[in-house]
Amino acid sequence: MRPYEPAEVELGEPTASFQAPGIVRVEIPYKFVAGSPVAHYGCEVKFLDTDFTGLKFMQAWELKKEGVIRDGFEVGKEPKGAFEVVFTEAESPDRGYHPISKVVTGQVGTSK
């Protein structure tokens, strides 16, 4: 395993669409602009018109230098408005995660 070095990730425009009743499928383009995947990562998706925040945890081997994160979140009440995404990193999960990207926003119901 490569030594840990803090990374920086640039997020593209996220999209979200309904996959099934109560399930929102989110796609988030990402690119490591500093460092590379060597730690533990989290992608936090917060739906602004509900109390729901979804988390997708990933390890370095699951990520490339650039790609698209795809996942579905069971949200209960269907969100209709905006959502925010931030990418986080931890050298070790027990040391806590910290943001390594700017917050990007998208609109639920959008898809490419």
PDB file of N, CA and C in Angstrom:
ATOM      1  N   MET A   1       0.839  -1.179   0.000  1.00  0.00           N
ATOM      2  CA  MET A   1       0.000   0.000   0.000  1.00  0.00           C
ATOM      3  C   MET A   1       0.888   1.247   0.000  1.00  0.00           C
ATOM      4  N   ARG A   2       0.498   2.210  -0.809  1.00  0.00           N
ATOM      5  CA  ARG A   2       1.252   3.471  -0.872  1.00  0.00           C
ATOM      6  C   ARG A   2       1.089   4.254   0.422  1.00  0.00           C
ATOM      7  N   PRO A   3       2.082   5.085   0.770  1.00  0.00           N
ATOM      8  CA  PRO A   3       1.939   5.903   1.980  1.00  0.00           C
ATOM      9  C   PRO A   3       0.792   6.901   1.824  1.00  0.00           C
ATOM     10  N   TYR A   4       0.186   7.227   2.957  1.00  0.00           N
ATOM     11  CA  TYR A   4      -0.943   8.157   2.947  1.00  0.00           C
ATOM     12  C   TYR A   4      -0.475   9.568   2.639  1.00  0.00           C
ATOM     13  N   GLU A   5      -1.149  10.197   1.713  1.00  0.00           N
ATOM     14  CA  GLU A   5      -0.953  11.627   1.454  1.00  0.00           C
ATOM     15  C   GLU A   5      -2.332  12.215   1.210  1.00  0.00           C
ATOM     16  N   PRO A   6      -2.662  13.327   1.856  1.00  0.00           N
ATOM     17  CA  PRO A   6      -3.991  13.914   1.679  1.00  0.00           C
ATOM     18  C   PRO A   6      -4.276  14.198   0.202  1.00  0.00           C
ATOM     19  N   ALA A   7      -5.493  13.929  -0.194  1.00  0.00           N
ATOM     20  CA  ALA A   7      -5.895  14.111  -1.586  1.00  0.00           C
ATOM     21  C   ALA A   7      -6.837  15.301  -1.715  1.00  0.00           C
ATOM     22  N   GLU A   8      -7.069  15.681  -2.968  1.00  0.00           N
ATOM     23  CA  GLU A   8      -8.085  16.680  -3.287  1.00  0.00           C
ATOM     24  C   GLU A   8      -8.873  16.132  -4.466  1.00  0.00           C
ATOM     25  N   VAL A   9     -10.191  16.206  -4.370  1.00  0.00           N
ATOM     26  CA  VAL A   9     -11.067  15.663  -5.407  1.00  0.00           C
ATOM     27  C   VAL A   9     -11.937  16.778  -5.965  1.00  0.00           C
ATOM     28  N   GLU A  10     -12.056  16.792  -7.276  1.00  0.00           N
ATOM     29  CA  GLU A  10     -12.962  17.717  -7.959  1.00  0.00           C
ATOM     30  C   GLU A  10     -14.203  16.923  -8.347  1.00  0.00           C
ATOM     31  N   LEU A  11     -15.366  17.422  -7.955  1.00  0.00           N
ATOM     32  CA  LEU A  11     -16.624  16.761  -8.289  1.00  0.00           C
ATOM     33  C   LEU A  11     -17.268  17.457  -9.476  1.00  0.00           C
ATOM     34  N   GLY A  12     -17.817  16.652 -10.385  1.00  0.00           N
ATOM     35  CA  GLY A  12     -18.559  17.196 -11.513  1.00  0.00           C
ATOM     36  C   GLY A  12     -20.013  17.409 -11.124  1.00  0.00           C
ATOM     37  N   GLU A  13     -20.834  17.693 -12.106  1.00  0.00           N
ATOM     38  CA  GLU A  13     -22.258  17.940 -11.858  1.00  0.00           C
ATOM     39  C   GLU A  13     -22.969  16.632 -11.514  1.00  0.00           C
ATOM     40  N   PRO A  14     -23.507  16.528 -10.301  1.00  0.00           N
ATOM     41  CA  PRO A  14     -24.191  15.297  -9.915  1.00  0.00           C
ATOM     42  C   PRO A  14     -25.597  15.233 -10.499  1.00  0.00           C
ATOM     43  N   THR A  15     -26.079  14.018 -10.709  1.00  0.00           N
ATOM     44  CA  THR A  15     -27.450  13.818 -11.178  1.00  0.00           C
ATOM     45  C   THR A  15     -28.166  12.877 -10.219  1.00  0.00           C
ATOM     46  N   ALA A  16     -29.477  13.008 -10.141  1.00  0.00           N
ATOM     47  CA  ALA A  16     -30.283  12.134  -9.291  1.00  0.00           C
ATOM     48  C   ALA A  16     -31.624  11.907  -9.959  1.00  0.00           C
ATOM     49  N   SER A  17     -32.048  10.657  -9.968  1.00  0.00           N
ATOM     50  CA  SER A  17     -33.348  10.324 -10.550  1.00  0.00           C
ATOM     51  C   SER A  17     -33.983   9.220  -9.717  1.00  0.00           C
ATOM     52  N   PHE A  18     -35.295   9.077  -9.831  1.00  0.00           N
ATOM     53  CA  PHE A  18     -35.998   8.051  -9.077  1.00  0.00           C
ATOM     54  C   PHE A  18     -35.802   6.704  -9.751  1.00  0.00           C
ATOM     55  N   GLN A  19     -35.293   5.744  -8.982  1.00  0.00           N
ATOM     56  CA  GLN A  19     -35.058   4.392  -9.482  1.00  0.00           C
ATOM     57  C   GLN A  19     -36.292   3.532  -9.219  1.00  0.00           C
ATOM     58  N   ALA A  20     -36.932   3.768  -8.091  1.00  0.00           N
ATOM     59  CA  ALA A  20     -38.146   3.073  -7.669  1.00  0.00           C
ATOM     60  C   ALA A  20     -38.790   3.964  -6.606  1.00  0.00           C
ATOM     61  N   PRO A  21     -40.025   3.687  -6.207  1.00  0.00           N
ATOM     62  CA  PRO A  21     -40.632   4.522  -5.166  1.00  0.00           C
ATOM     63  C   PRO A  21     -39.750   4.568  -3.913  1.00  0.00           C
ATOM     64  N   GLY A  22     -39.390   5.763  -3.492  1.00  0.00           N
ATOM     65  CA  GLY A  22     -38.579   5.939  -2.298  1.00  0.00           C
ATOM     66  C   GLY A  22     -37.091   5.702  -2.475  1.00  0.00           C
ATOM     67  N   ILE A  23     -36.643   5.390  -3.693  1.00  0.00           N
ATOM     68  CA  ILE A  23     -35.216   5.156  -3.944  1.00  0.00           C
ATOM     69  C   ILE A  23     -34.721   6.141  -4.997  1.00  0.00           C
ATOM     70  N   VAL A  24     -33.683   6.883  -4.635  1.00  0.00           N
ATOM     71  CA  VAL A  24     -33.083   7.854  -5.548  1.00  0.00           C
ATOM     72  C   VAL A  24     -31.720   7.330  -5.980  1.00  0.00           C
ATOM     73  N   ARG A  25     -31.506   7.273  -7.291  1.00  0.00           N
ATOM     74  CA  ARG A  25     -30.211   6.857  -7.839  1.00  0.00           C
ATOM     75  C   ARG A  25     -29.403   8.116  -8.132  1.00  0.00           C
ATOM     76  N   VAL A  26     -28.187   8.160  -7.585  1.00  0.00           N
ATOM     77  CA  VAL A  26     -27.320   9.323  -7.714  1.00  0.00           C
ATOM     78  C   VAL A  26     -26.064   8.932  -8.480  1.00  0.00           C
ATOM     79  N   GLU A  27     -25.627   9.815  -9.379  1.00  0.00           N
ATOM     80  CA  GLU A  27     -24.368   9.635 -10.105  1.00  0.00           C
ATOM     81  C   GLU A  27     -23.533  10.895  -9.920  1.00  0.00           C
ATOM     82  N   ILE A  28     -22.286  10.696  -9.487  1.00  0.00           N
ATOM     83  CA  ILE A  28     -21.411  11.821  -9.173  1.00  0.00           C
ATOM     84  C   ILE A  28     -20.065  11.626  -9.860  1.00  0.00           C
ATOM     85  N   PRO A  29     -19.762  12.414 -10.894  1.00  0.00           N
ATOM     86  CA  PRO A  29     -18.435  12.338 -11.513  1.00  0.00           C
ATOM     87  C   PRO A  29     -17.381  12.900 -10.550  1.00  0.00           C
ATOM     88  N   TYR A  30     -16.227  12.242 -10.503  1.00  0.00           N
ATOM     89  CA  TYR A  30     -15.156  12.712  -9.629  1.00  0.00           C
ATOM     90  C   TYR A  30     -13.812  12.586 -10.335  1.00  0.00           C
ATOM     91  N   LYS A  31     -12.843  13.365  -9.850  1.00  0.00           N
ATOM     92  CA  LYS A  31     -11.477  13.299 -10.373  1.00  0.00           C
ATOM     93  C   LYS A  31     -10.519  13.708  -9.256  1.00  0.00           C
ATOM     94  N   PHE A  32      -9.527  12.864  -8.988  1.00  0.00           N
ATOM     95  CA  PHE A  32      -8.485  13.223  -8.031  1.00  0.00           C
ATOM     96  C   PHE A  32      -7.563  14.224  -8.712  1.00  0.00           C
ATOM     97  N   VAL A  33      -7.492  15.441  -8.188  1.00  0.00           N
ATOM     98  CA  VAL A  33      -6.640  16.483  -8.774  1.00  0.00           C
ATOM     99  C   VAL A  33      -5.358  16.662  -7.965  1.00  0.00           C
ATOM    100  N   ALA A  34      -5.311  16.086  -6.783  1.00  0.00           N
ATOM    101  CA  ALA A  34      -4.089  16.042  -5.978  1.00  0.00           C
ATOM    102  C   ALA A  34      -4.113  14.716  -5.231  1.00  0.00           C
ATOM    103  N   GLY A  35      -2.984  14.045  -5.191  1.00  0.00           N
ATOM    104  CA  GLY A  35      -2.938  12.739  -4.561  1.00  0.00           C
ATOM    105  C   GLY A  35      -3.644  11.703  -5.416  1.00  0.00           C
ATOM    106  N   SER A  36      -3.839  10.545  -4.848  1.00  0.00           N
ATOM    107  CA  SER A  36      -4.534   9.460  -5.531  1.00  0.00           C
ATOM    108  C   SER A  36      -5.222   8.608  -4.473  1.00  0.00           C
ATOM    109  N   PRO A  37      -6.098   7.693  -4.885  1.00  0.00           N
ATOM    110  CA  PRO A  37      -6.829   6.892  -3.903  1.00  0.00           C
ATOM    111  C   PRO A  37      -5.889   5.974  -3.107  1.00  0.00           C
ATOM    112  N   VAL A  38      -5.672   6.276  -1.828  1.00  0.00           N
ATOM    113  CA  VAL A  38      -4.835   5.434  -0.971  1.00  0.00           C
ATOM    114  C   VAL A  38      -5.428   5.262   0.428  1.00  0.00           C
ATOM    115  N   ALA A  39      -6.589   5.805   0.673  1.00  0.00           N
ATOM    116  CA  ALA A  39      -7.136   5.804   2.033  1.00  0.00           C
ATOM    117  C   ALA A  39      -8.569   5.269   2.017  1.00  0.00           C
ATOM    118  N   HIS A  40      -9.349   5.748   2.950  1.00  0.00           N
ATOM    119  CA  HIS A  40     -10.769   5.419   3.070  1.00  0.00           C
ATOM    120  C   HIS A  40     -11.553   6.667   2.701  1.00  0.00           C
ATOM    121  N   TYR A  41     -12.660   6.476   1.985  1.00  0.00           N
ATOM    122  CA  TYR A  41     -13.392   7.620   1.446  1.00  0.00           C
ATOM    123  C   TYR A  41     -14.872   7.513   1.763  1.00  0.00           C
ATOM    124  N   GLY A  42     -15.516   8.655   1.739  1.00  0.00           N
ATOM    125  CA  GLY A  42     -16.947   8.724   1.915  1.00  0.00           C
ATOM    126  C   GLY A  42     -17.527   9.733   0.941  1.00  0.00           C
ATOM    127  N   CYS A  43     -18.702   9.439   0.453  1.00  0.00           N
ATOM    128  CA  CYS A  43     -19.423  10.375  -0.399  1.00  0.00           C
ATOM    129  C   CYS A  43     -20.740  10.653   0.325  1.00  0.00           C
ATOM    130  N   GLU A  44     -20.903  11.889   0.760  1.00  0.00           N
ATOM    131  CA  GLU A  44     -22.074  12.277   1.538  1.00  0.00           C
ATOM    132  C   GLU A  44     -23.055  13.010   0.636  1.00  0.00           C
ATOM    133  N   VAL A  45     -24.291  12.521   0.601  1.00  0.00           N
ATOM    134  CA  VAL A  45     -25.346  13.116  -0.220  1.00  0.00           C
ATOM    135  C   VAL A  45     -26.458  13.576   0.714  1.00  0.00           C
ATOM    136  N   LYS A  46     -26.691  14.884   0.737  1.00  0.00           N
ATOM    137  CA  LYS A  46     -27.704  15.453   1.630  1.00  0.00           C
ATOM    138  C   LYS A  46     -28.852  16.005   0.797  1.00  0.00           C
ATOM    139  N   PHE A  47     -30.059  15.466   1.020  1.00  0.00           N
ATOM    140  CA  PHE A  47     -31.251  15.933   0.324  1.00  0.00           C
ATOM    141  C   PHE A  47     -31.838  17.079   1.141  1.00  0.00           C
ATOM    142  N   LEU A  48     -31.864  18.274   0.570  1.00  0.00           N
ATOM    143  CA  LEU A  48     -32.135  19.486   1.335  1.00  0.00           C
ATOM    144  C   LEU A  48     -33.580  19.653   1.789  1.00  0.00           C
ATOM    145  N   ASP A  49     -34.543  19.020   1.113  1.00  0.00           N
ATOM    146  CA  ASP A  49     -35.938  19.181   1.537  1.00  0.00           C
ATOM    147  C   ASP A  49     -36.432  18.017   2.404  1.00  0.00           C
ATOM    148  N   THR A  50     -35.518  17.166   2.838  1.00  0.00           N
ATOM    149  CA  THR A  50     -35.846  16.082   3.765  1.00  0.00           C
ATOM    150  C   THR A  50     -34.786  16.069   4.862  1.00  0.00           C
ATOM    151  N   ASP A  51     -34.955  15.188   5.816  1.00  0.00           N
ATOM    152  CA  ASP A  51     -33.945  15.025   6.866  1.00  0.00           C
ATOM    153  C   ASP A  51     -32.925  13.957   6.487  1.00  0.00           C
ATOM    154  N   PHE A  52     -32.964  13.472   5.250  1.00  0.00           N
ATOM    155  CA  PHE A  52     -32.131  12.336   4.863  1.00  0.00           C
ATOM    156  C   PHE A  52     -30.764  12.764   4.340  1.00  0.00           C
ATOM    157  N   THR A  53     -29.744  12.116   4.867  1.00  0.00           N
ATOM    158  CA  THR A  53     -28.387  12.230   4.341  1.00  0.00           C
ATOM    159  C   THR A  53     -27.896  10.818   4.079  1.00  0.00           C
ATOM    160  N   GLY A  54     -27.474  10.555   2.843  1.00  0.00           N
ATOM    161  CA  GLY A  54     -26.952   9.246   2.487  1.00  0.00           C
ATOM    162  C   GLY A  54     -25.436   9.253   2.494  1.00  0.00           C
ATOM    163  N   LEU A  55     -24.850   8.131   2.898  1.00  0.00           N
ATOM    164  CA  LEU A  55     -23.398   7.990   2.912  1.00  0.00           C
ATOM    165  C   LEU A  55     -22.999   6.742   2.149  1.00  0.00           C
ATOM    166  N   LYS A  56     -22.013   6.891   1.302  1.00  0.00           N
ATOM    167  CA  LYS A  56     -21.422   5.737   0.621  1.00  0.00           C
ATOM    168  C   LYS A  56     -19.957   5.711   1.021  1.00  0.00           C
ATOM    169  N   PHE A  57     -19.568   4.656   1.727  1.00  0.00           N
ATOM    170  CA  PHE A  57     -18.176   4.510   2.130  1.00  0.00           C
ATOM    171  C   PHE A  57     -17.448   3.645   1.114  1.00  0.00           C
ATOM    172  N   MET A  58     -16.200   4.017   0.814  1.00  0.00           N
ATOM    173  CA  MET A  58     -15.400   3.298  -0.177  1.00  0.00           C
ATOM    174  C   MET A  58     -13.959   3.185   0.307  1.00  0.00           C
ATOM    175  N   GLN A  59     -13.283   2.150  -0.157  1.00  0.00           N
ATOM    176  CA  GLN A  59     -11.857   2.001   0.096  1.00  0.00           C
ATOM    177  C   GLN A  59     -11.106   2.339  -1.181  1.00  0.00           C
ATOM    178  N   ALA A  60      -9.820   2.582  -1.043  1.00  0.00           N
ATOM    179  CA  ALA A  60      -9.002   3.027  -2.174  1.00  0.00           C
ATOM    180  C   ALA A  60      -9.121   2.101  -3.379  1.00  0.00           C
ATOM    181  N   TRP A  61      -9.152   0.794  -3.166  1.00  0.00           N
ATOM    182  CA  TRP A  61      -9.177  -0.147  -4.290  1.00  0.00           C
ATOM    183  C   TRP A  61     -10.461  -0.042  -5.110  1.00  0.00           C
ATOM    184  N   GLU A  62     -11.501   0.573  -4.558  1.00  0.00           N
ATOM    185  CA  GLU A  62     -12.767   0.721  -5.280  1.00  0.00           C
ATOM    186  C   GLU A  62     -12.785   1.927  -6.213  1.00  0.00           C
ATOM    187  N   LEU A  63     -11.776   2.783  -6.115  1.00  0.00           N
ATOM    188  CA  LEU A  63     -11.759   4.033  -6.876  1.00  0.00           C
ATOM    189  C   LEU A  63     -10.603   4.071  -7.858  1.00  0.00           C
ATOM    190  N   LYS A  64     -10.835   4.767  -8.945  1.00  0.00           N
ATOM    191  CA  LYS A  64      -9.774   5.065  -9.908  1.00  0.00           C
ATOM    192  C   LYS A  64      -9.402   6.531  -9.730  1.00  0.00           C
ATOM    193  N   LYS A  65      -8.443   6.988 -10.488  1.00  0.00           N
ATOM    194  CA  LYS A  65      -8.043   8.398 -10.432  1.00  0.00           C
ATOM    195  C   LYS A  65      -9.209   9.300 -10.871  1.00  0.00           C
ATOM    196  N   GLU A  66     -10.066   8.773 -11.747  1.00  0.00           N
ATOM    197  CA  GLU A  66     -11.213   9.523 -12.265  1.00  0.00           C
ATOM    198  C   GLU A  66     -12.324   8.537 -12.587  1.00  0.00           C
ATOM    199  N   GLY A  67     -13.568   8.918 -12.313  1.00  0.00           N
ATOM    200  CA  GLY A  67     -14.673   8.018 -12.597  1.00  0.00           C
ATOM    201  C   GLY A  67     -16.009   8.614 -12.188  1.00  0.00           C
ATOM    202  N   VAL A  68     -16.995   7.737 -12.018  1.00  0.00           N
ATOM    203  CA  VAL A  68     -18.339   8.149 -11.609  1.00  0.00           C
ATOM    204  C   VAL A  68     -18.785   7.232 -10.471  1.00  0.00           C
ATOM    205  N   ILE A  69     -19.210   7.830  -9.384  1.00  0.00           N
ATOM    206  CA  ILE A  69     -19.777   7.073  -8.270  1.00  0.00           C
ATOM    207  C   ILE A  69     -21.266   6.942  -8.542  1.00  0.00           C
ATOM    208  N   ARG A  70     -21.756   5.708  -8.488  1.00  0.00           N
ATOM    209  CA  ARG A  70     -23.180   5.439  -8.723  1.00  0.00           C
ATOM    210  C   ARG A  70     -23.721   4.658  -7.533  1.00  0.00           C
ATOM    211  N   ASP A  71     -24.847   5.114  -7.005  1.00  0.00           N
ATOM    212  CA  ASP A  71     -25.458   4.387  -5.899  1.00  0.00           C
ATOM    213  C   ASP A  71     -26.911   4.807  -5.766  1.00  0.00           C
ATOM    214  N   GLY A  72     -27.686   3.951  -5.143  1.00  0.00           N
ATOM    215  CA  GLY A  72     -29.077   4.254  -4.857  1.00  0.00           C
ATOM    216  C   GLY A  72     -29.265   4.410  -3.357  1.00  0.00           C
ATOM    217  N   PHE A  73     -30.093   5.363  -2.963  1.00  0.00           N
ATOM    218  CA  PHE A  73     -30.361   5.607  -1.548  1.00  0.00           C
ATOM    219  C   PHE A  73     -31.853   5.471  -1.291  1.00  0.00           C
ATOM    220  N   GLU A  74     -32.201   4.693  -0.271  1.00  0.00           N
ATOM    221  CA  GLU A  74     -33.595   4.581   0.140  1.00  0.00           C
ATOM    222  C   GLU A  74     -33.896   5.777   1.033  1.00  0.00           C
ATOM    223  N   VAL A  75     -34.700   6.687   0.524  1.00  0.00           N
ATOM    224  CA  VAL A  75     -34.901   7.970   1.195  1.00  0.00           C
ATOM    225  C   VAL A  75     -36.230   8.092   1.929  1.00  0.00           C
ATOM    226  N   GLY A  76     -37.110   7.117   1.786  1.00  0.00           N
ATOM    227  CA  GLY A  76     -38.426   7.223   2.431  1.00  0.00           C
ATOM    228  C   GLY A  76     -39.264   8.247   1.696  1.00  0.00           C
ATOM    229  N   LYS A  77     -39.421   9.418   2.296  1.00  0.00           N
ATOM    230  CA  LYS A  77     -40.142  10.514   1.638  1.00  0.00           C
ATOM    231  C   LYS A  77     -39.347  10.934   0.400  1.00  0.00           C
ATOM    232  N   GLU A  78     -40.013  10.992  -0.728  1.00  0.00           N
ATOM    233  CA  GLU A  78     -39.300  11.330  -1.965  1.00  0.00           C
ATOM    234  C   GLU A  78     -38.901  12.795  -1.993  1.00  0.00           C
ATOM    235  N   PRO A  79     -37.605  13.066  -2.105  1.00  0.00           N
ATOM    236  CA  PRO A  79     -37.152  14.453  -2.201  1.00  0.00           C
ATOM    237  C   PRO A  79     -37.543  15.052  -3.544  1.00  0.00           C
ATOM    238  N   LYS A  80     -37.821  16.334  -3.550  1.00  0.00           N
ATOM    239  CA  LYS A  80     -38.234  16.988  -4.794  1.00  0.00           C
ATOM    240  C   LYS A  80     -37.322  18.148  -5.168  1.00  0.00           C
ATOM    241  N   GLY A  81     -36.426  18.518  -4.292  1.00  0.00           N
ATOM    242  CA  GLY A  81     -35.611  19.702  -4.529  1.00  0.00           C
ATOM    243  C   GLY A  81     -34.150  19.388  -4.746  1.00  0.00           C
ATOM    244  N   ALA A  82     -33.337  20.249  -4.208  1.00  0.00           N
ATOM    245  CA  ALA A  82     -31.895  20.167  -4.411  1.00  0.00           C
ATOM    246  C   ALA A  82     -31.250  19.177  -3.441  1.00  0.00           C
ATOM    247  N   PHE A  83     -30.056  18.748  -3.820  1.00  0.00           N
ATOM    248  CA  PHE A  83     -29.238  17.929  -2.934  1.00  0.00           C
ATOM    249  C   PHE A  83     -27.798  18.406  -3.038  1.00  0.00           C
ATOM    250  N   GLU A  84     -27.022  18.126  -1.991  1.00  0.00           N
ATOM    251  CA  GLU A  84     -25.616  18.510  -1.943  1.00  0.00           C
ATOM    252  C   GLU A  84     -24.755  17.261  -1.813  1.00  0.00           C
ATOM    253  N   VAL A  85     -23.553  17.340  -2.382  1.00  0.00           N
ATOM    254  CA  VAL A  85     -22.608  16.226  -2.319  1.00  0.00           C
ATOM    255  C   VAL A  85     -21.252  16.758  -1.882  1.00  0.00           C
ATOM    256  N   VAL A  86     -20.597  16.016  -0.993  1.00  0.00           N
ATOM    257  CA  VAL A  86     -19.217  16.318  -0.620  1.00  0.00           C
ATOM    258  C   VAL A  86     -18.463  14.991  -0.496  1.00  0.00           C
ATOM    259  N   PHE A  87     -17.203  15.001  -0.887  1.00  0.00           N
ATOM    260  CA  PHE A  87     -16.330  13.827  -0.848  1.00  0.00           C
ATOM    261  C   PHE A  87     -15.432  13.965   0.369  1.00  0.00           C
ATOM    262  N   THR A  88     -15.306  12.895   1.164  1.00  0.00           N
ATOM    263  CA  THR A  88     -14.492  12.950   2.371  1.00  0.00           C
ATOM    264  C   THR A  88     -13.437  11.851   2.355  1.00  0.00           C
ATOM    265  N   GLU A  89     -12.431  12.011   3.225  1.00  0.00           N
ATOM    266  CA  GLU A  89     -11.315  11.066   3.271  1.00  0.00           C
ATOM    267  C   GLU A  89     -10.884  10.856   4.715  1.00  0.00           C
ATOM    268  N   ALA A  90     -10.401   9.652   5.007  1.00  0.00           N
ATOM    269  CA  ALA A  90      -9.813   9.355   6.314  1.00  0.00           C
ATOM    270  C   ALA A  90      -8.624   8.435   6.102  1.00  0.00           C
ATOM    271  N   GLU A  91      -7.522   8.742   6.756  1.00  0.00           N
ATOM    272  CA  GLU A  91      -6.376   7.830   6.697  1.00  0.00           C
ATOM    273  C   GLU A  91      -6.788   6.490   7.305  1.00  0.00           C
ATOM    274  N   SER A  92      -7.577   6.566   8.366  1.00  0.00           N
ATOM    275  CA  SER A  92      -8.150   5.398   9.022  1.00  0.00           C
ATOM    276  C   SER A  92      -9.539   5.814   9.511  1.00  0.00           C
ATOM    277  N   PRO A  93     -10.566   4.981   9.299  1.00  0.00           N
ATOM    278  CA  PRO A  93     -11.925   5.385   9.674  1.00  0.00           C
ATOM    279  C   PRO A  93     -12.070   5.802  11.138  1.00  0.00           C
ATOM    280  N   ASP A  94     -11.293   5.209  12.029  1.00  0.00           N
ATOM    281  CA  ASP A  94     -11.419   5.565  13.442  1.00  0.00           C
ATOM    282  C   ASP A  94     -10.828   6.936  13.768  1.00  0.00           C
ATOM    283  N   ARG A  95     -10.163   7.561  12.798  1.00  0.00           N
ATOM    284  CA  ARG A  95      -9.604   8.905  12.999  1.00  0.00           C
ATOM    285  C   ARG A  95     -10.523   9.996  12.446  1.00  0.00           C
ATOM    286  N   GLY A  96     -11.640   9.597  11.885  1.00  0.00           N
ATOM    287  CA  GLY A  96     -12.600  10.573  11.371  1.00  0.00           C
ATOM    288  C   GLY A  96     -12.336  10.968   9.926  1.00  0.00           C
ATOM    289  N   TYR A  97     -13.398  11.359   9.252  1.00  0.00           N
ATOM    290  CA  TYR A  97     -13.348  11.771   7.848  1.00  0.00           C
ATOM    291  C   TYR A  97     -13.329  13.288   7.766  1.00  0.00           C
ATOM    292  N   HIS A  98     -12.633  13.818   6.772  1.00  0.00           N
ATOM    293  CA  HIS A  98     -12.617  15.267   6.543  1.00  0.00           C
ATOM    294  C   HIS A  98     -12.855  15.539   5.058  1.00  0.00           C
ATOM    295  N   PRO A  99     -13.491  16.659   4.724  1.00  0.00           N
ATOM    296  CA  PRO A  99     -13.807  16.970   3.321  1.00  0.00           C
ATOM    297  C   PRO A  99     -12.542  17.168   2.488  1.00  0.00           C
ATOM    298  N   ILE A 100     -12.563  16.625   1.260  1.00  0.00           N
ATOM    299  CA  ILE A 100     -11.461  16.840   0.313  1.00  0.00           C
ATOM    300  C   ILE A 100     -11.989  17.371  -1.018  1.00  0.00           C
ATOM    301  N   SER A 101     -13.241  17.811  -1.020  1.00  0.00           N
ATOM    302  CA  SER A 101     -13.826  18.413  -2.222  1.00  0.00           C
ATOM    303  C   SER A 101     -14.664  19.609  -1.803  1.00  0.00           C
ATOM    304  N   LYS A 102     -14.992  20.424  -2.774  1.00  0.00           N
ATOM    305  CA  LYS A 102     -15.982  21.473  -2.548  1.00  0.00           C
ATOM    306  C   LYS A 102     -17.353  20.815  -2.582  1.00  0.00           C
ATOM    307  N   VAL A 103     -18.326  21.450  -1.961  1.00  0.00           N
ATOM    308  CA  VAL A 103     -19.702  20.965  -2.010  1.00  0.00           C
ATOM    309  C   VAL A 103     -20.277  21.306  -3.381  1.00  0.00           C
ATOM    310  N   VAL A 104     -20.883  20.316  -4.033  1.00  0.00           N
ATOM    311  CA  VAL A 104     -21.576  20.567  -5.301  1.00  0.00           C
ATOM    312  C   VAL A 104     -23.056  20.273  -5.088  1.00  0.00           C
ATOM    313  N   THR A 105     -23.900  20.909  -5.887  1.00  0.00           N
ATOM    314  CA  THR A 105     -25.339  20.713  -5.755  1.00  0.00           C
ATOM    315  C   THR A 105     -25.933  20.211  -7.058  1.00  0.00           C
ATOM    316  N   GLY A 106     -27.033  19.525  -6.921  1.00  0.00           N
ATOM    317  CA  GLY A 106     -27.786  19.035  -8.062  1.00  0.00           C
ATOM    318  C   GLY A 106     -29.261  19.126  -7.741  1.00  0.00           C
ATOM    319  N   GLN A 107     -30.082  18.766  -8.695  1.00  0.00           N
ATOM    320  CA  GLN A 107     -31.529  18.823  -8.552  1.00  0.00           C
ATOM    321  C   GLN A 107     -32.084  17.411  -8.710  1.00  0.00           C
ATOM    322  N   VAL A 108     -32.886  16.960  -7.760  1.00  0.00           N
ATOM    323  CA  VAL A 108     -33.493  15.638  -7.855  1.00  0.00           C
ATOM    324  C   VAL A 108     -34.425  15.608  -9.056  1.00  0.00           C
ATOM    325  N   GLY A 109     -34.370  14.516  -9.788  1.00  0.00           N
ATOM    326  CA  GLY A 109     -35.200  14.377 -10.976  1.00  0.00           C
ATOM    327  C   GLY A 109     -34.425  14.602 -12.249  1.00  0.00           C
ATOM    328  N   THR A 110     -33.144  14.965 -12.126  1.00  0.00           N
ATOM    329  CA  THR A 110     -32.304  15.172 -13.298  1.00  0.00           C
ATOM    330  C   THR A 110     -31.580  13.884 -13.631  1.00  0.00           C
ATOM    331  N   SER A 111     -31.388  13.649 -14.880  1.00  0.00           N
ATOM    332  CA  SER A 111     -30.569  12.519 -15.326  1.00  0.00           C
ATOM    333  C   SER A 111     -30.035  12.849 -16.698  1.00  0.00           C
ATOM    334  N   LYS A 112     -28.939  12.205 -17.047  1.00  0.00           N
ATOM    335  CA  LYS A 112     -28.321  12.467 -18.348  1.00  0.00           C
ATOM    336  C   LYS A 112     -28.694  11.389 -19.318  1.00  0.00           C
TER     337      LYS A 112
END
